[in-house]
Amino acid sequence: MDTGGNSLPSGSDGVKRKEVGNYYYGQGHPMKPHRIRMTHALLAHYGLLQHMQILKPFPARDRDLCRFHADDYVAFLRSITPETQQDQLRQLKRFNVGEDCPVFDGLYSLCQTYAGG
């Protein structure tokens, strides 16, 4: 039985992705992924993980995401990085990404994991 936690799947490059519970969106942001980590720790502490089947989500593919979101929005999420966001200010505003929904390393992988789950 897998009790390995809440890691994002490895990418096509074989590199293990950051654990979902380790993302930090900034002070005051409503998403608090560390709660996932705390929940997992509680389950482990109380010995409940051994009674559970842990399923790791398959990342949603582009076509899955495009069933609910516009193609250009999905393409934007796939391409935006902290290093490129200054070059895409118009797109950031258009898709309401910024202060409340910040750009961070691994944003698209996290979106795929959440949607896949």
PDB file of N, CA and C in Angstrom:
ATOM      1  N   MET A   1       0.845  -1.171   0.000  1.00  0.00           N
ATOM      2  CA  MET A   1       0.000   0.000   0.000  1.00  0.00           C
ATOM      3  C   MET A   1       0.889   1.233   0.000  1.00  0.00           C
ATOM      4  N   ASP A   2       0.555   2.221  -0.807  1.00  0.00           N
ATOM      5  CA  ASP A   2       1.357   3.433  -0.928  1.00  0.00           C
ATOM      6  C   ASP A   2       0.953   4.426   0.144  1.00  0.00           C
ATOM      7  N   THR A   3       1.881   4.804   0.986  1.00  0.00           N
ATOM      8  CA  THR A   3       1.625   5.830   1.990  1.00  0.00           C
ATOM      9  C   THR A   3       2.606   6.971   1.808  1.00  0.00           C
ATOM     10  N   GLY A   4       3.015   7.167   0.568  1.00  0.00           N
ATOM     11  CA  GLY A   4       4.079   8.108   0.275  1.00  0.00           C
ATOM     12  C   GLY A   4       3.716   9.571   0.367  1.00  0.00           C
ATOM     13  N   GLY A   5       2.505   9.914   0.652  1.00  0.00           N
ATOM     14  CA  GLY A   5       2.194  11.315   0.833  1.00  0.00           C
ATOM     15  C   GLY A   5       1.484  11.907  -0.347  1.00  0.00           C
ATOM     16  N   ASN A   6       1.796  13.151  -0.607  1.00  0.00           N
ATOM     17  CA  ASN A   6       1.014  13.923  -1.554  1.00  0.00           C
ATOM     18  C   ASN A   6       1.877  14.532  -2.636  1.00  0.00           C
ATOM     19  N   SER A   7       2.829  13.777  -3.149  1.00  0.00           N
ATOM     20  CA  SER A   7       3.720  14.278  -4.188  1.00  0.00           C
ATOM     21  C   SER A   7       3.014  14.371  -5.522  1.00  0.00           C
ATOM     22  N   LEU A   8       3.405  15.372  -6.263  1.00  0.00           N
ATOM     23  CA  LEU A   8       2.981  15.445  -7.650  1.00  0.00           C
ATOM     24  C   LEU A   8       3.737  14.368  -8.402  1.00  0.00           C
ATOM     25  N   PRO A   9       3.156  13.852  -9.460  1.00  0.00           N
ATOM     26  CA  PRO A   9       3.857  12.815 -10.211  1.00  0.00           C
ATOM     27  C   PRO A   9       5.120  13.358 -10.855  1.00  0.00           C
ATOM     28  N   SER A  10       6.038  12.455 -11.164  1.00  0.00           N
ATOM     29  CA  SER A  10       7.245  12.857 -11.870  1.00  0.00           C
ATOM     30  C   SER A  10       6.879  13.317 -13.265  1.00  0.00           C
ATOM     31  N   GLY A  11       7.611  14.277 -13.743  1.00  0.00           N
ATOM     32  CA  GLY A  11       7.362  14.788 -15.081  1.00  0.00           C
ATOM     33  C   GLY A  11       7.970  13.893 -16.133  1.00  0.00           C
ATOM     34  N   SER A  12       7.774  14.266 -17.385  1.00  0.00           N
ATOM     35  CA  SER A  12       8.314  13.477 -18.486  1.00  0.00           C
ATOM     36  C   SER A  12       9.837  13.461 -18.451  1.00  0.00           C
ATOM     37  N   ASP A  13      10.418  14.442 -17.723  1.00  0.00           N
ATOM     38  CA  ASP A  13      11.868  14.475 -17.602  1.00  0.00           C
ATOM     39  C   ASP A  13      12.361  13.604 -16.451  1.00  0.00           C
ATOM     40  N   GLY A  14      11.418  12.937 -15.738  1.00  0.00           N
ATOM     41  CA  GLY A  14      11.783  12.035 -14.651  1.00  0.00           C
ATOM     42  C   GLY A  14      12.038  12.731 -13.331  1.00  0.00           C
ATOM     43  N   VAL A  15      11.924  14.054 -13.305  1.00  0.00           N
ATOM     44  CA  VAL A  15      12.180  14.804 -12.082  1.00  0.00           C
ATOM     45  C   VAL A  15      10.935  14.787 -11.207  1.00  0.00           C
ATOM     46  N   LYS A  16      11.109  14.428  -9.936  1.00  0.00           N
ATOM     47  CA  LYS A  16       9.996  14.416  -8.984  1.00  0.00           C
ATOM     48  C   LYS A  16       9.533  15.851  -8.749  1.00  0.00           C
ATOM     49  N   ARG A  17       8.245  16.057  -8.780  1.00  0.00           N
ATOM     50  CA  ARG A  17       7.684  17.386  -8.592  1.00  0.00           C
ATOM     51  C   ARG A  17       7.497  17.694  -7.119  1.00  0.00           C
ATOM     52  N   LYS A  18       7.369  18.966  -6.811  1.00  0.00           N
ATOM     53  CA  LYS A  18       7.164  19.419  -5.450  1.00  0.00           C
ATOM     54  C   LYS A  18       5.884  18.822  -4.881  1.00  0.00           C
ATOM     55  N   GLU A  19       5.886  18.508  -3.594  1.00  0.00           N
ATOM     56  CA  GLU A  19       4.685  17.984  -2.963  1.00  0.00           C
ATOM     57  C   GLU A  19       3.622  19.070  -2.916  1.00  0.00           C
ATOM     58  N   VAL A  20       2.380  18.661  -3.143  1.00  0.00           N
ATOM     59  CA  VAL A  20       1.266  19.600  -3.171  1.00  0.00           C
ATOM     60  C   VAL A  20       1.231  20.421  -1.892  1.00  0.00           C
ATOM     61  N   GLY A  21       1.481  19.794  -0.756  1.00  0.00           N
ATOM     62  CA  GLY A  21       1.427  20.492   0.528  1.00  0.00           C
ATOM     63  C   GLY A  21       2.555  21.464   0.770  1.00  0.00           C
ATOM     64  N   ASN A  22       3.523  21.535  -0.127  1.00  0.00           N
ATOM     65  CA  ASN A  22       4.663  22.431   0.067  1.00  0.00           C
ATOM     66  C   ASN A  22       4.591  23.701  -0.774  1.00  0.00           C
ATOM     67  N   TYR A  23       3.541  23.897  -1.518  1.00  0.00           N
ATOM     68  CA  TYR A  23       3.397  25.139  -2.273  1.00  0.00           C
ATOM     69  C   TYR A  23       3.045  26.268  -1.315  1.00  0.00           C
ATOM     70  N   TYR A  24       3.549  27.447  -1.593  1.00  0.00           N
ATOM     71  CA  TYR A  24       3.220  28.630  -0.801  1.00  0.00           C
ATOM     72  C   TYR A  24       2.809  29.722  -1.766  1.00  0.00           C
ATOM     73  N   TYR A  25       1.604  30.223  -1.592  1.00  0.00           N
ATOM     74  CA  TYR A  25       1.051  31.204  -2.515  1.00  0.00           C
ATOM     75  C   TYR A  25       1.226  32.636  -2.027  1.00  0.00           C
ATOM     76  N   GLY A  26       1.712  32.822  -0.841  1.00  0.00           N
ATOM     77  CA  GLY A  26       1.901  34.156  -0.295  1.00  0.00           C
ATOM     78  C   GLY A  26       0.930  34.434   0.837  1.00  0.00           C
ATOM     79  N   GLN A  27       1.318  35.379   1.665  1.00  0.00           N
ATOM     80  CA  GLN A  27       0.517  35.744   2.827  1.00  0.00           C
ATOM     81  C   GLN A  27      -0.856  36.248   2.403  1.00  0.00           C
ATOM     82  N   GLY A  28      -1.871  35.788   3.077  1.00  0.00           N
ATOM     83  CA  GLY A  28      -3.220  36.238   2.801  1.00  0.00           C
ATOM     84  C   GLY A  28      -3.921  35.496   1.677  1.00  0.00           C
ATOM     85  N   HIS A  29      -3.216  34.623   0.966  1.00  0.00           N
ATOM     86  CA  HIS A  29      -3.867  33.889  -0.121  1.00  0.00           C
ATOM     87  C   HIS A  29      -4.782  32.830   0.471  1.00  0.00           C
ATOM     88  N   PRO A  30      -5.977  32.645  -0.093  1.00  0.00           N
ATOM     89  CA  PRO A  30      -6.936  31.711   0.507  1.00  0.00           C
ATOM     90  C   PRO A  30      -6.542  30.236   0.416  1.00  0.00           C
ATOM     91  N   MET A  31      -5.698  29.868  -0.525  1.00  0.00           N
ATOM     92  CA  MET A  31      -5.303  28.458  -0.636  1.00  0.00           C
ATOM     93  C   MET A  31      -4.187  28.169   0.363  1.00  0.00           C
ATOM     94  N   LYS A  32      -4.380  27.152   1.158  1.00  0.00           N
ATOM     95  CA  LYS A  32      -3.404  26.766   2.179  1.00  0.00           C
ATOM     96  C   LYS A  32      -3.048  25.283   2.007  1.00  0.00           C
ATOM     97  N   PRO A  33      -2.199  24.952   1.026  1.00  0.00           N
ATOM     98  CA  PRO A  33      -1.881  23.554   0.758  1.00  0.00           C
ATOM     99  C   PRO A  33      -1.230  22.829   1.926  1.00  0.00           C
ATOM    100  N   HIS A  34      -0.644  23.563   2.869  1.00  0.00           N
ATOM    101  CA  HIS A  34      -0.037  22.882   4.014  1.00  0.00           C
ATOM    102  C   HIS A  34      -1.082  22.108   4.803  1.00  0.00           C
ATOM    103  N   ARG A  35      -2.350  22.419   4.622  1.00  0.00           N
ATOM    104  CA  ARG A  35      -3.408  21.662   5.286  1.00  0.00           C
ATOM    105  C   ARG A  35      -3.432  20.215   4.798  1.00  0.00           C
ATOM    106  N   ILE A  36      -3.065  20.001   3.546  1.00  0.00           N
ATOM    107  CA  ILE A  36      -2.965  18.640   3.018  1.00  0.00           C
ATOM    108  C   ILE A  36      -1.899  17.879   3.787  1.00  0.00           C
ATOM    109  N   ARG A  37      -0.753  18.531   4.000  1.00  0.00           N
ATOM    110  CA  ARG A  37       0.339  17.923   4.750  1.00  0.00           C
ATOM    111  C   ARG A  37      -0.078  17.599   6.174  1.00  0.00           C
ATOM    112  N   MET A  38      -0.779  18.526   6.812  1.00  0.00           N
ATOM    113  CA  MET A  38      -1.221  18.315   8.190  1.00  0.00           C
ATOM    114  C   MET A  38      -2.222  17.167   8.279  1.00  0.00           C
ATOM    115  N   THR A  39      -3.134  17.089   7.329  1.00  0.00           N
ATOM    116  CA  THR A  39      -4.113  16.005   7.314  1.00  0.00           C
ATOM    117  C   THR A  39      -3.423  14.661   7.150  1.00  0.00           C
ATOM    118  N   HIS A  40      -2.472  14.592   6.235  1.00  0.00           N
ATOM    119  CA  HIS A  40      -1.719  13.353   6.019  1.00  0.00           C
ATOM    120  C   HIS A  40      -0.978  12.960   7.295  1.00  0.00           C
ATOM    121  N   ALA A  41      -0.365  13.925   7.979  1.00  0.00           N
ATOM    122  CA  ALA A  41       0.360  13.639   9.220  1.00  0.00           C
ATOM    123  C   ALA A  41      -0.578  13.110  10.304  1.00  0.00           C
ATOM    124  N   LEU A  42      -1.761  13.676  10.407  1.00  0.00           N
ATOM    125  CA  LEU A  42      -2.733  13.197  11.393  1.00  0.00           C
ATOM    126  C   LEU A  42      -3.165  11.762  11.093  1.00  0.00           C
ATOM    127  N   LEU A  43      -3.448  11.489   9.828  1.00  0.00           N
ATOM    128  CA  LEU A  43      -3.838  10.130   9.444  1.00  0.00           C
ATOM    129  C   LEU A  43      -2.735   9.134   9.769  1.00  0.00           C
ATOM    130  N   ALA A  44      -1.493   9.519   9.503  1.00  0.00           N
ATOM    131  CA  ALA A  44      -0.361   8.639   9.803  1.00  0.00           C
ATOM    132  C   ALA A  44      -0.218   8.457  11.314  1.00  0.00           C
ATOM    133  N   HIS A  45      -0.312   9.543  12.072  1.00  0.00           N
ATOM    134  CA  HIS A  45      -0.152   9.486  13.528  1.00  0.00           C
ATOM    135  C   HIS A  45      -1.188   8.575  14.187  1.00  0.00           C
ATOM    136  N   TYR A  46      -2.405   8.620  13.721  1.00  0.00           N
ATOM    137  CA  TYR A  46      -3.466   7.796  14.295  1.00  0.00           C
ATOM    138  C   TYR A  46      -3.516   6.385  13.709  1.00  0.00           C
ATOM    139  N   GLY A  47      -2.567   6.061  12.829  1.00  0.00           N
ATOM    140  CA  GLY A  47      -2.503   4.716  12.273  1.00  0.00           C
ATOM    141  C   GLY A  47      -3.613   4.408  11.286  1.00  0.00           C
ATOM    142  N   LEU A  48      -4.190   5.431  10.710  1.00  0.00           N
ATOM    143  CA  LEU A  48      -5.312   5.228   9.799  1.00  0.00           C
ATOM    144  C   LEU A  48      -4.883   4.939   8.363  1.00  0.00           C
ATOM    145  N   LEU A  49      -3.661   5.324   8.009  1.00  0.00           N
ATOM    146  CA  LEU A  49      -3.213   5.111   6.628  1.00  0.00           C
ATOM    147  C   LEU A  49      -3.195   3.632   6.263  1.00  0.00           C
ATOM    148  N   GLN A  50      -2.902   2.782   7.240  1.00  0.00           N
ATOM    149  CA  GLN A  50      -2.852   1.340   6.959  1.00  0.00           C
ATOM    150  C   GLN A  50      -4.221   0.763   6.658  1.00  0.00           C
ATOM    151  N   HIS A  51      -5.273   1.501   6.944  1.00  0.00           N
ATOM    152  CA  HIS A  51      -6.642   1.048   6.669  1.00  0.00           C
ATOM    153  C   HIS A  51      -7.231   1.733   5.443  1.00  0.00           C
ATOM    154  N   MET A  52      -6.406   2.489   4.753  1.00  0.00           N
ATOM    155  CA  MET A  52      -6.882   3.261   3.617  1.00  0.00           C
ATOM    156  C   MET A  52      -6.169   2.832   2.343  1.00  0.00           C
ATOM    157  N   GLN A  53      -6.857   3.018   1.255  1.00  0.00           N
ATOM    158  CA  GLN A  53      -6.217   2.844  -0.048  1.00  0.00           C
ATOM    159  C   GLN A  53      -5.855   4.242  -0.542  1.00  0.00           C
ATOM    160  N   ILE A  54      -4.571   4.498  -0.702  1.00  0.00           N
ATOM    161  CA  ILE A  54      -4.093   5.807  -1.134  1.00  0.00           C
ATOM    162  C   ILE A  54      -3.983   5.805  -2.656  1.00  0.00           C
ATOM    163  N   LEU A  55      -4.657   6.716  -3.284  1.00  0.00           N
ATOM    164  CA  LEU A  55      -4.621   6.827  -4.744  1.00  0.00           C
ATOM    165  C   LEU A  55      -3.941   8.127  -5.130  1.00  0.00           C
ATOM    166  N   LYS A  56      -2.947   8.015  -5.974  1.00  0.00           N
ATOM    167  CA  LYS A  56      -2.313   9.226  -6.505  1.00  0.00           C
ATOM    168  C   LYS A  56      -3.050   9.614  -7.784  1.00  0.00           C
ATOM    169  N   PRO A  57      -3.387  10.869  -7.911  1.00  0.00           N
ATOM    170  CA  PRO A  57      -4.130  11.288  -9.103  1.00  0.00           C
ATOM    171  C   PRO A  57      -3.273  11.235 -10.361  1.00  0.00           C
ATOM    172  N   PHE A  58      -3.921  10.898 -11.460  1.00  0.00           N
ATOM    173  CA  PHE A  58      -3.267  11.016 -12.760  1.00  0.00           C
ATOM    174  C   PHE A  58      -3.429  12.466 -13.188  1.00  0.00           C
ATOM    175  N   PRO A  59      -2.376  13.093 -13.657  1.00  0.00           N
ATOM    176  CA  PRO A  59      -2.510  14.487 -14.087  1.00  0.00           C
ATOM    177  C   PRO A  59      -3.502  14.598 -15.248  1.00  0.00           C
ATOM    178  N   ALA A  60      -4.353  15.607 -15.176  1.00  0.00           N
ATOM    179  CA  ALA A  60      -5.280  15.869 -16.276  1.00  0.00           C
ATOM    180  C   ALA A  60      -4.468  16.276 -17.504  1.00  0.00           C
ATOM    181  N   ARG A  61      -4.906  15.817 -18.660  1.00  0.00           N
ATOM    182  CA  ARG A  61      -4.247  16.191 -19.914  1.00  0.00           C
ATOM    183  C   ARG A  61      -4.855  17.493 -20.431  1.00  0.00           C
ATOM    184  N   ASP A  62      -4.191  18.095 -21.397  1.00  0.00           N
ATOM    185  CA  ASP A  62      -4.704  19.339 -21.977  1.00  0.00           C
ATOM    186  C   ASP A  62      -6.141  19.169 -22.451  1.00  0.00           C
ATOM    187  N   ARG A  63      -6.407  18.070 -23.143  1.00  0.00           N
ATOM    188  CA  ARG A  63      -7.764  17.885 -23.680  1.00  0.00           C
ATOM    189  C   ARG A  63      -8.796  17.751 -22.571  1.00  0.00           C
ATOM    190  N   ASP A  64      -8.387  17.188 -21.410  1.00  0.00           N
ATOM    191  CA  ASP A  64      -9.301  17.117 -20.275  1.00  0.00           C
ATOM    192  C   ASP A  64      -9.591  18.518 -19.744  1.00  0.00           C
ATOM    193  N   LEU A  65      -8.536  19.313 -19.583  1.00  0.00           N
ATOM    194  CA  LEU A  65      -8.704  20.673 -19.077  1.00  0.00           C
ATOM    195  C   LEU A  65      -9.524  21.527 -20.040  1.00  0.00           C
ATOM    196  N   CYS A  66      -9.355  21.295 -21.335  1.00  0.00           N
ATOM    197  CA  CYS A  66     -10.061  22.090 -22.349  1.00  0.00           C
ATOM    198  C   CYS A  66     -11.543  21.728 -22.458  1.00  0.00           C
ATOM    199  N   ARG A  67     -11.954  20.674 -21.779  1.00  0.00           N
ATOM    200  CA  ARG A  67     -13.391  20.381 -21.722  1.00  0.00           C
ATOM    201  C   ARG A  67     -14.116  21.419 -20.878  1.00  0.00           C
ATOM    202  N   PHE A  68     -13.389  22.067 -19.961  1.00  0.00           N
ATOM    203  CA  PHE A  68     -13.999  23.020 -19.038  1.00  0.00           C
ATOM    204  C   PHE A  68     -13.422  24.423 -19.141  1.00  0.00           C
ATOM    205  N   HIS A  69     -12.283  24.552 -19.795  1.00  0.00           N
ATOM    206  CA  HIS A  69     -11.615  25.846 -19.927  1.00  0.00           C
ATOM    207  C   HIS A  69     -11.269  26.099 -21.389  1.00  0.00           C
ATOM    208  N   ALA A  70     -11.170  27.354 -21.749  1.00  0.00           N
ATOM    209  CA  ALA A  70     -10.814  27.738 -23.112  1.00  0.00           C
ATOM    210  C   ALA A  70      -9.389  27.295 -23.437  1.00  0.00           C
ATOM    211  N   ASP A  71      -9.183  26.912 -24.684  1.00  0.00           N
ATOM    212  CA  ASP A  71      -7.860  26.458 -25.134  1.00  0.00           C
ATOM    213  C   ASP A  71      -6.768  27.481 -24.837  1.00  0.00           C
ATOM    214  N   ASP A  72      -7.064  28.778 -25.073  1.00  0.00           N
ATOM    215  CA  ASP A  72      -6.039  29.798 -24.870  1.00  0.00           C
ATOM    216  C   ASP A  72      -5.693  29.970 -23.388  1.00  0.00           C
ATOM    217  N   TYR A  73      -6.643  29.741 -22.499  1.00  0.00           N
ATOM    218  CA  TYR A  73      -6.375  29.807 -21.062  1.00  0.00           C
ATOM    219  C   TYR A  73      -5.460  28.657 -20.637  1.00  0.00           C
ATOM    220  N   VAL A  74      -5.739  27.457 -21.121  1.00  0.00           N
ATOM    221  CA  VAL A  74      -4.912  26.297 -20.804  1.00  0.00           C
ATOM    222  C   VAL A  74      -3.504  26.495 -21.365  1.00  0.00           C
ATOM    223  N   ALA A  75      -3.400  26.999 -22.569  1.00  0.00           N
ATOM    224  CA  ALA A  75      -2.083  27.263 -23.164  1.00  0.00           C
ATOM    225  C   ALA A  75      -1.322  28.311 -22.348  1.00  0.00           C
ATOM    226  N   PHE A  76      -2.034  29.322 -21.874  1.00  0.00           N
ATOM    227  CA  PHE A  76      -1.416  30.343 -21.032  1.00  0.00           C
ATOM    228  C   PHE A  76      -0.868  29.724 -19.744  1.00  0.00           C
ATOM    229  N   LEU A  77      -1.676  28.914 -19.065  1.00  0.00           N
ATOM    230  CA  LEU A  77      -1.228  28.280 -17.822  1.00  0.00           C
ATOM    231  C   LEU A  77      -0.019  27.378 -18.055  1.00  0.00           C
ATOM    232  N   ARG A  78       0.011  26.711 -19.198  1.00  0.00           N
ATOM    233  CA  ARG A  78       1.113  25.822 -19.529  1.00  0.00           C
ATOM    234  C   ARG A  78       2.407  26.618 -19.756  1.00  0.00           C
ATOM    235  N   SER A  79       2.300  27.828 -20.275  1.00  0.00           N
ATOM    236  CA  SER A  79       3.490  28.572 -20.671  1.00  0.00           C
ATOM    237  C   SER A  79       3.983  29.590 -19.638  1.00  0.00           C
ATOM    238  N   ILE A  80       3.138  30.031 -18.745  1.00  0.00           N
ATOM    239  CA  ILE A  80       3.529  31.103 -17.823  1.00  0.00           C
ATOM    240  C   ILE A  80       4.479  30.577 -16.740  1.00  0.00           C
ATOM    241  N   THR A  81       5.493  31.342 -16.439  1.00  0.00           N
ATOM    242  CA  THR A  81       6.431  31.031 -15.359  1.00  0.00           C
ATOM    243  C   THR A  81       6.753  32.333 -14.636  1.00  0.00           C
ATOM    244  N   PRO A  82       7.319  32.257 -13.443  1.00  0.00           N
ATOM    245  CA  PRO A  82       7.719  33.494 -12.775  1.00  0.00           C
ATOM    246  C   PRO A  82       8.684  34.324 -13.618  1.00  0.00           C
ATOM    247  N   GLU A  83       9.522  33.648 -14.413  1.00  0.00           N
ATOM    248  CA  GLU A  83      10.498  34.366 -15.239  1.00  0.00           C
ATOM    249  C   GLU A  83       9.866  35.038 -16.452  1.00  0.00           C
ATOM    250  N   THR A  84       8.744  34.523 -16.955  1.00  0.00           N
ATOM    251  CA  THR A  84       8.133  35.077 -18.170  1.00  0.00           C
ATOM    252  C   THR A  84       6.925  35.956 -17.897  1.00  0.00           C
ATOM    253  N   GLN A  85       6.489  36.050 -16.645  1.00  0.00           N
ATOM    254  CA  GLN A  85       5.245  36.765 -16.392  1.00  0.00           C
ATOM    255  C   GLN A  85       5.304  38.257 -16.730  1.00  0.00           C
ATOM    256  N   GLN A  86       6.473  38.882 -16.605  1.00  0.00           N
ATOM    257  CA  GLN A  86       6.578  40.298 -16.943  1.00  0.00           C
ATOM    258  C   GLN A  86       6.379  40.548 -18.445  1.00  0.00           C
ATOM    259  N   ASP A  87       6.623  39.528 -19.260  1.00  0.00           N
ATOM    260  CA  ASP A  87       6.432  39.636 -20.703  1.00  0.00           C
ATOM    261  C   ASP A  87       4.986  39.379 -21.112  1.00  0.00           C
ATOM    262  N   GLN A  88       4.159  38.950 -20.162  1.00  0.00           N
ATOM    263  CA  GLN A  88       2.788  38.566 -20.476  1.00  0.00           C
ATOM    264  C   GLN A  88       1.773  39.317 -19.610  1.00  0.00           C
ATOM    265  N   LEU A  89       2.034  40.577 -19.332  1.00  0.00           N
ATOM    266  CA  LEU A  89       1.166  41.354 -18.442  1.00  0.00           C
ATOM    267  C   LEU A  89      -0.273  41.432 -18.956  1.00  0.00           C
ATOM    268  N   ARG A  90      -0.425  41.561 -20.254  1.00  0.00           N
ATOM    269  CA  ARG A  90      -1.775  41.641 -20.834  1.00  0.00           C
ATOM    270  C   ARG A  90      -2.554  40.336 -20.588  1.00  0.00           C
ATOM    271  N   GLN A  91      -1.881  39.198 -20.791  1.00  0.00           N
ATOM    272  CA  GLN A  91      -2.507  37.901 -20.562  1.00  0.00           C
ATOM    273  C   GLN A  91      -2.803  37.682 -19.075  1.00  0.00           C
ATOM    274  N   LEU A  92      -1.893  38.120 -18.195  1.00  0.00           N
ATOM    275  CA  LEU A  92      -2.126  38.009 -16.753  1.00  0.00           C
ATOM    276  C   LEU A  92      -3.420  38.711 -16.364  1.00  0.00           C
ATOM    277  N   LYS A  93      -3.593  39.916 -16.884  1.00  0.00           N
ATOM    278  CA  LYS A  93      -4.808  40.681 -16.578  1.00  0.00           C
ATOM    279  C   LYS A  93      -6.032  40.008 -17.200  1.00  0.00           C
ATOM    280  N   ARG A  94      -5.903  39.574 -18.428  1.00  0.00           N
ATOM    281  CA  ARG A  94      -7.025  38.935 -19.135  1.00  0.00           C
ATOM    282  C   ARG A  94      -7.548  37.715 -18.388  1.00  0.00           C
ATOM    283  N   PHE A  95      -6.620  36.898 -17.854  1.00  0.00           N
ATOM    284  CA  PHE A  95      -7.017  35.660 -17.185  1.00  0.00           C
ATOM    285  C   PHE A  95      -7.075  35.796 -15.666  1.00  0.00           C
ATOM    286  N   ASN A  96      -6.971  37.037 -15.183  1.00  0.00           N
ATOM    287  CA  ASN A  96      -7.087  37.340 -13.759  1.00  0.00           C
ATOM    288  C   ASN A  96      -6.070  36.552 -12.926  1.00  0.00           C
ATOM    289  N   VAL A  97      -4.844  36.522 -13.407  1.00  0.00           N
ATOM    290  CA  VAL A  97      -3.759  35.849 -12.708  1.00  0.00           C
ATOM    291  C   VAL A  97      -2.824  36.935 -12.197  1.00  0.00           C
ATOM    292  N   GLY A  98      -2.416  36.797 -10.971  1.00  0.00           N
ATOM    293  CA  GLY A  98      -1.527  37.798 -10.383  1.00  0.00           C
ATOM    294  C   GLY A  98      -1.541  37.722  -8.883  1.00  0.00           C
ATOM    295  N   GLU A  99      -1.973  38.802  -8.243  1.00  0.00           N
ATOM    296  CA  GLU A  99      -1.901  38.892  -6.788  1.00  0.00           C
ATOM    297  C   GLU A  99      -2.712  37.806  -6.080  1.00  0.00           C
ATOM    298  N   ASP A 100      -3.965  37.635  -6.451  1.00  0.00           N
ATOM    299  CA  ASP A 100      -4.814  36.644  -5.789  1.00  0.00           C
ATOM    300  C   ASP A 100      -4.557  35.231  -6.300  1.00  0.00           C
ATOM    301  N   CYS A 101      -4.141  35.115  -7.540  1.00  0.00           N
ATOM    302  CA  CYS A 101      -3.815  33.815  -8.153  1.00  0.00           C
ATOM    303  C   CYS A 101      -2.405  33.930  -8.718  1.00  0.00           C
ATOM    304  N   PRO A 102      -1.405  33.773  -7.876  1.00  0.00           N
ATOM    305  CA  PRO A 102      -0.032  34.062  -8.301  1.00  0.00           C
ATOM    306  C   PRO A 102       0.557  33.015  -9.233  1.00  0.00           C
ATOM    307  N   VAL A 103       1.547  33.447  -9.979  1.00  0.00           N
ATOM    308  CA  VAL A 103       2.335  32.561 -10.838  1.00  0.00           C
ATOM    309  C   VAL A 103       3.489  32.034  -9.991  1.00  0.00           C
ATOM    310  N   PHE A 104       3.726  30.732 -10.050  1.00  0.00           N
ATOM    311  CA  PHE A 104       4.830  30.125  -9.308  1.00  0.00           C
ATOM    312  C   PHE A 104       5.344  28.941 -10.101  1.00  0.00           C
ATOM    313  N   ASP A 105       6.558  28.505  -9.771  1.00  0.00           N
ATOM    314  CA  ASP A 105       7.137  27.341 -10.435  1.00  0.00           C
ATOM    315  C   ASP A 105       6.248  26.126 -10.202  1.00  0.00           C
ATOM    316  N   GLY A 106       5.910  25.433 -11.273  1.00  0.00           N
ATOM    317  CA  GLY A 106       5.077  24.244 -11.158  1.00  0.00           C
ATOM    318  C   GLY A 106       3.587  24.513 -11.177  1.00  0.00           C
ATOM    319  N   LEU A 107       3.182  25.727 -11.528  1.00  0.00           N
ATOM    320  CA  LEU A 107       1.761  26.089 -11.541  1.00  0.00           C
ATOM    321  C   LEU A 107       0.945  25.135 -12.406  1.00  0.00           C
ATOM    322  N   TYR A 108       1.406  24.885 -13.624  1.00  0.00           N
ATOM    323  CA  TYR A 108       0.631  24.035 -14.531  1.00  0.00           C
ATOM    324  C   TYR A 108       0.555  22.598 -14.029  1.00  0.00           C
ATOM    325  N   SER A 109       1.667  22.078 -13.499  1.00  0.00           N
ATOM    326  CA  SER A 109       1.649  20.721 -12.938  1.00  0.00           C
ATOM    327  C   SER A 109       0.671  20.616 -11.784  1.00  0.00           C
ATOM    328  N   LEU A 110       0.616  21.642 -10.959  1.00  0.00           N
ATOM    329  CA  LEU A 110      -0.328  21.637  -9.845  1.00  0.00           C
ATOM    330  C   LEU A 110      -1.761  21.667 -10.366  1.00  0.00           C
ATOM    331  N   CYS A 111      -2.027  22.477 -11.376  1.00  0.00           N
ATOM    332  CA  CYS A 111      -3.370  22.526 -11.990  1.00  0.00           C
ATOM    333  C   CYS A 111      -3.751  21.156 -12.544  1.00  0.00           C
ATOM    334  N   GLN A 112      -2.822  20.506 -13.207  1.00  0.00           N
ATOM    335  CA  GLN A 112      -3.088  19.177 -13.754  1.00  0.00           C
ATOM    336  C   GLN A 112      -3.402  18.171 -12.649  1.00  0.00           C
ATOM    337  N   THR A 113      -2.659  18.238 -11.559  1.00  0.00           N
ATOM    338  CA  THR A 113      -2.865  17.301 -10.464  1.00  0.00           C
ATOM    339  C   THR A 113      -4.201  17.530  -9.787  1.00  0.00           C
ATOM    340  N   TYR A 114      -4.516  18.781  -9.495  1.00  0.00           N
ATOM    341  CA  TYR A 114      -5.796  19.084  -8.853  1.00  0.00           C
ATOM    342  C   TYR A 114      -6.965  18.664  -9.744  1.00  0.00           C
ATOM    343  N   ALA A 115      -6.860  19.004 -11.021  1.00  0.00           N
ATOM    344  CA  ALA A 115      -7.951  18.642 -11.944  1.00  0.00           C
ATOM    345  C   ALA A 115      -8.037  17.123 -12.133  1.00  0.00           C
ATOM    346  N   GLY A 116      -6.899  16.460 -12.162  1.00  0.00           N
ATOM    347  CA  GLY A 116      -6.878  15.011 -12.306  1.00  0.00           C
ATOM    348  C   GLY A 116      -7.455  14.306 -11.087  1.00  0.00           C
ATOM    349  N   GLY A 117      -7.266  14.916  -9.911  1.00  0.00           N
ATOM    350  CA  GLY A 117      -7.792  14.333  -8.677  1.00  0.00           C
ATOM    351  C   GLY A 117      -9.282  14.435  -8.621  1.00  0.00           C
TER     352      GLY A 117
END
